[in-house]
């Protein structure tokens, strides 16, 4: 475990991020008081930021993963025929 002050961390951030990536915990201090920790990723955390954000959204209940994964995207079905959509748009504009 390492401890580093904010000023030194700012100047040598890449070095401390590398330490955390290698499994070390880095305590970040401000005037000798611990204010944060830089820790390695949790086991099972995706290597990509997008994977980590999706996993966090599922964990918080914002997203629900599909029950059956399919390599094919879902079929895209039109919401309504184009003529109908344009008619509604024209009607909305006429009401203004």
C-alpha atoms as a PDB file:
ATOM      1  CA  UNK A   1       0.000   0.000   0.000  1.00  0.00           C
ATOM      2  CA  UNK A   2       1.269   3.432  -0.929  1.00  0.00           C
ATOM      3  CA  UNK A   3       0.284   6.895   0.298  1.00  0.00           C
ATOM      4  CA  UNK A   4       0.710  10.011  -1.803  1.00  0.00           C
ATOM      5  CA  UNK A   5      -0.185  13.664  -1.410  1.00  0.00           C
ATOM      6  CA  UNK A   6      -2.407  15.451  -3.909  1.00  0.00           C
ATOM      7  CA  UNK A   7       0.390  17.631  -5.311  1.00  0.00           C
ATOM      8  CA  UNK A   8       2.682  14.663  -6.004  1.00  0.00           C
ATOM      9  CA  UNK A   9      -0.223  12.603  -7.360  1.00  0.00           C
ATOM     10  CA  UNK A  10      -1.065  15.376  -9.801  1.00  0.00           C
ATOM     11  CA  UNK A  11       2.483  15.423 -11.140  1.00  0.00           C
ATOM     12  CA  UNK A  12       2.956  11.631 -11.270  1.00  0.00           C
ATOM     13  CA  UNK A  13      -0.586  10.326 -11.871  1.00  0.00           C
ATOM     14  CA  UNK A  14       0.364   7.772 -14.541  1.00  0.00           C
ATOM     15  CA  UNK A  15       2.847   6.120 -12.169  1.00  0.00           C
ATOM     16  CA  UNK A  16       0.241   5.669  -9.427  1.00  0.00           C
ATOM     17  CA  UNK A  17      -2.410   4.467 -11.870  1.00  0.00           C
ATOM     18  CA  UNK A  18       0.073   1.815 -13.037  1.00  0.00           C
ATOM     19  CA  UNK A  19       0.572   0.735  -9.415  1.00  0.00           C
ATOM     20  CA  UNK A  20      -3.185   0.375  -8.960  1.00  0.00           C
ATOM     21  CA  UNK A  21      -3.447  -1.580 -12.216  1.00  0.00           C
ATOM     22  CA  UNK A  22      -0.818  -3.980 -10.822  1.00  0.00           C
ATOM     23  CA  UNK A  23      -2.939  -4.616  -7.723  1.00  0.00           C
ATOM     24  CA  UNK A  24      -1.656  -1.989  -5.292  1.00  0.00           C
ATOM     25  CA  UNK A  25      -3.907   0.297  -3.268  1.00  0.00           C
ATOM     26  CA  UNK A  26      -2.821   3.942  -3.221  1.00  0.00           C
ATOM     27  CA  UNK A  27      -4.057   6.190  -0.424  1.00  0.00           C
ATOM     28  CA  UNK A  28      -4.455   9.806  -1.505  1.00  0.00           C
ATOM     29  CA  UNK A  29      -3.837  12.360   1.203  1.00  0.00           C
ATOM     30  CA  UNK A  30      -4.458  16.053   1.664  1.00  0.00           C
ATOM     31  CA  UNK A  31      -2.497  17.593   4.538  1.00  0.00           C
ATOM     32  CA  UNK A  32      -1.769  14.133   5.992  1.00  0.00           C
ATOM     33  CA  UNK A  33      -5.474  13.187   5.968  1.00  0.00           C
ATOM     34  CA  UNK A  34      -6.630  10.337   3.703  1.00  0.00           C
ATOM     35  CA  UNK A  35      -9.241  11.732   1.302  1.00  0.00           C
ATOM     36  CA  UNK A  36      -9.490   8.963  -1.322  1.00  0.00           C
ATOM     37  CA  UNK A  37      -8.199   5.582  -2.421  1.00  0.00           C
ATOM     38  CA  UNK A  38      -7.018   4.485  -5.843  1.00  0.00           C
ATOM     39  CA  UNK A  39      -7.698   0.761  -5.983  1.00  0.00           C
ATOM     40  CA  UNK A  40      -7.353  -1.948  -8.632  1.00  0.00           C
ATOM     41  CA  UNK A  41     -10.491  -2.930 -10.549  1.00  0.00           C
ATOM     42  CA  UNK A  42     -12.735  -5.457  -8.834  1.00  0.00           C
ATOM     43  CA  UNK A  43     -12.649  -9.038 -10.106  1.00  0.00           C
ATOM     44  CA  UNK A  44     -15.105  -9.537 -12.936  1.00  0.00           C
ATOM     45  CA  UNK A  45     -14.930  -5.876 -13.956  1.00  0.00           C
ATOM     46  CA  UNK A  46     -14.753  -5.531 -17.731  1.00  0.00           C
ATOM     47  CA  UNK A  47     -11.483  -4.320 -19.197  1.00  0.00           C
ATOM     48  CA  UNK A  48     -13.241  -1.682 -21.313  1.00  0.00           C
ATOM     49  CA  UNK A  49     -14.859   1.411 -19.808  1.00  0.00           C
ATOM     50  CA  UNK A  50     -18.082   0.776 -21.740  1.00  0.00           C
ATOM     51  CA  UNK A  51     -18.313  -2.740 -20.272  1.00  0.00           C
ATOM     52  CA  UNK A  52     -17.772  -1.366 -16.776  1.00  0.00           C
ATOM     53  CA  UNK A  53     -20.439   1.301 -17.253  1.00  0.00           C
ATOM     54  CA  UNK A  54     -22.945  -1.259 -18.534  1.00  0.00           C
ATOM     55  CA  UNK A  55     -22.181  -3.594 -15.630  1.00  0.00           C
ATOM     56  CA  UNK A  56     -22.690  -0.730 -13.172  1.00  0.00           C
ATOM     57  CA  UNK A  57     -26.016   0.200 -14.815  1.00  0.00           C
ATOM     58  CA  UNK A  58     -27.215  -3.402 -14.492  1.00  0.00           C
ATOM     59  CA  UNK A  59     -26.039  -3.560 -10.861  1.00  0.00           C
ATOM     60  CA  UNK A  60     -27.983  -0.400 -10.012  1.00  0.00           C
ATOM     61  CA  UNK A  61     -31.082  -1.684 -11.778  1.00  0.00           C
ATOM     62  CA  UNK A  62     -31.072   0.941 -14.526  1.00  0.00           C
ATOM     63  CA  UNK A  63     -30.804  -1.764 -17.200  1.00  0.00           C
ATOM     64  CA  UNK A  64     -32.018  -5.330 -17.388  1.00  0.00           C
ATOM     65  CA  UNK A  65     -29.882  -7.738 -19.383  1.00  0.00           C
ATOM     66  CA  UNK A  66     -31.626  -9.848 -22.040  1.00  0.00           C
ATOM     67  CA  UNK A  67     -32.780 -13.308 -21.007  1.00  0.00           C
ATOM     68  CA  UNK A  68     -31.456 -14.900 -24.182  1.00  0.00           C
ATOM     69  CA  UNK A  69     -28.437 -13.410 -25.886  1.00  0.00           C
ATOM     70  CA  UNK A  70     -28.507 -13.443 -29.661  1.00  0.00           C
ATOM     71  CA  UNK A  71     -25.697 -12.454 -32.025  1.00  0.00           C
ATOM     72  CA  UNK A  72     -28.279 -10.915 -34.368  1.00  0.00           C
ATOM     73  CA  UNK A  73     -29.760  -7.474 -33.626  1.00  0.00           C
ATOM     74  CA  UNK A  74     -33.514  -7.386 -33.077  1.00  0.00           C
ATOM     75  CA  UNK A  75     -35.560  -6.815 -36.205  1.00  0.00           C
ATOM     76  CA  UNK A  76     -36.284  -3.185 -36.947  1.00  0.00           C
ATOM     77  CA  UNK A  77     -39.959  -2.699 -37.571  1.00  0.00           C
ATOM     78  CA  UNK A  78     -41.349   0.669 -38.612  1.00  0.00           C
ATOM     79  CA  UNK A  79     -43.365   2.441 -35.938  1.00  0.00           C
ATOM     80  CA  UNK A  80     -45.822   3.711 -38.526  1.00  0.00           C
ATOM     81  CA  UNK A  81     -45.864   4.233 -42.281  1.00  0.00           C
ATOM     82  CA  UNK A  82     -44.049   7.364 -43.424  1.00  0.00           C
ATOM     83  CA  UNK A  83     -47.223   8.906 -44.882  1.00  0.00           C
ATOM     84  CA  UNK A  84     -48.966   8.581 -41.522  1.00  0.00           C
ATOM     85  CA  UNK A  85     -46.040  10.167 -39.666  1.00  0.00           C
ATOM     86  CA  UNK A  86     -45.840  13.054 -42.125  1.00  0.00           C
ATOM     87  CA  UNK A  87     -49.614  13.552 -41.869  1.00  0.00           C
ATOM     88  CA  UNK A  88     -49.411  13.776 -38.066  1.00  0.00           C
ATOM     89  CA  UNK A  89     -46.508  16.196 -38.323  1.00  0.00           C
ATOM     90  CA  UNK A  90     -48.447  18.418 -40.741  1.00  0.00           C
ATOM     91  CA  UNK A  91     -51.504  18.315 -38.473  1.00  0.00           C
ATOM     92  CA  UNK A  92     -49.425  19.306 -35.432  1.00  0.00           C
ATOM     93  CA  UNK A  93     -47.886  22.208 -37.327  1.00  0.00           C
ATOM     94  CA  UNK A  94     -51.305  23.369 -38.537  1.00  0.00           C
ATOM     95  CA  UNK A  95     -52.613  23.521 -34.943  1.00  0.00           C
ATOM     96  CA  UNK A  96     -49.916  26.012 -33.942  1.00  0.00           C
END
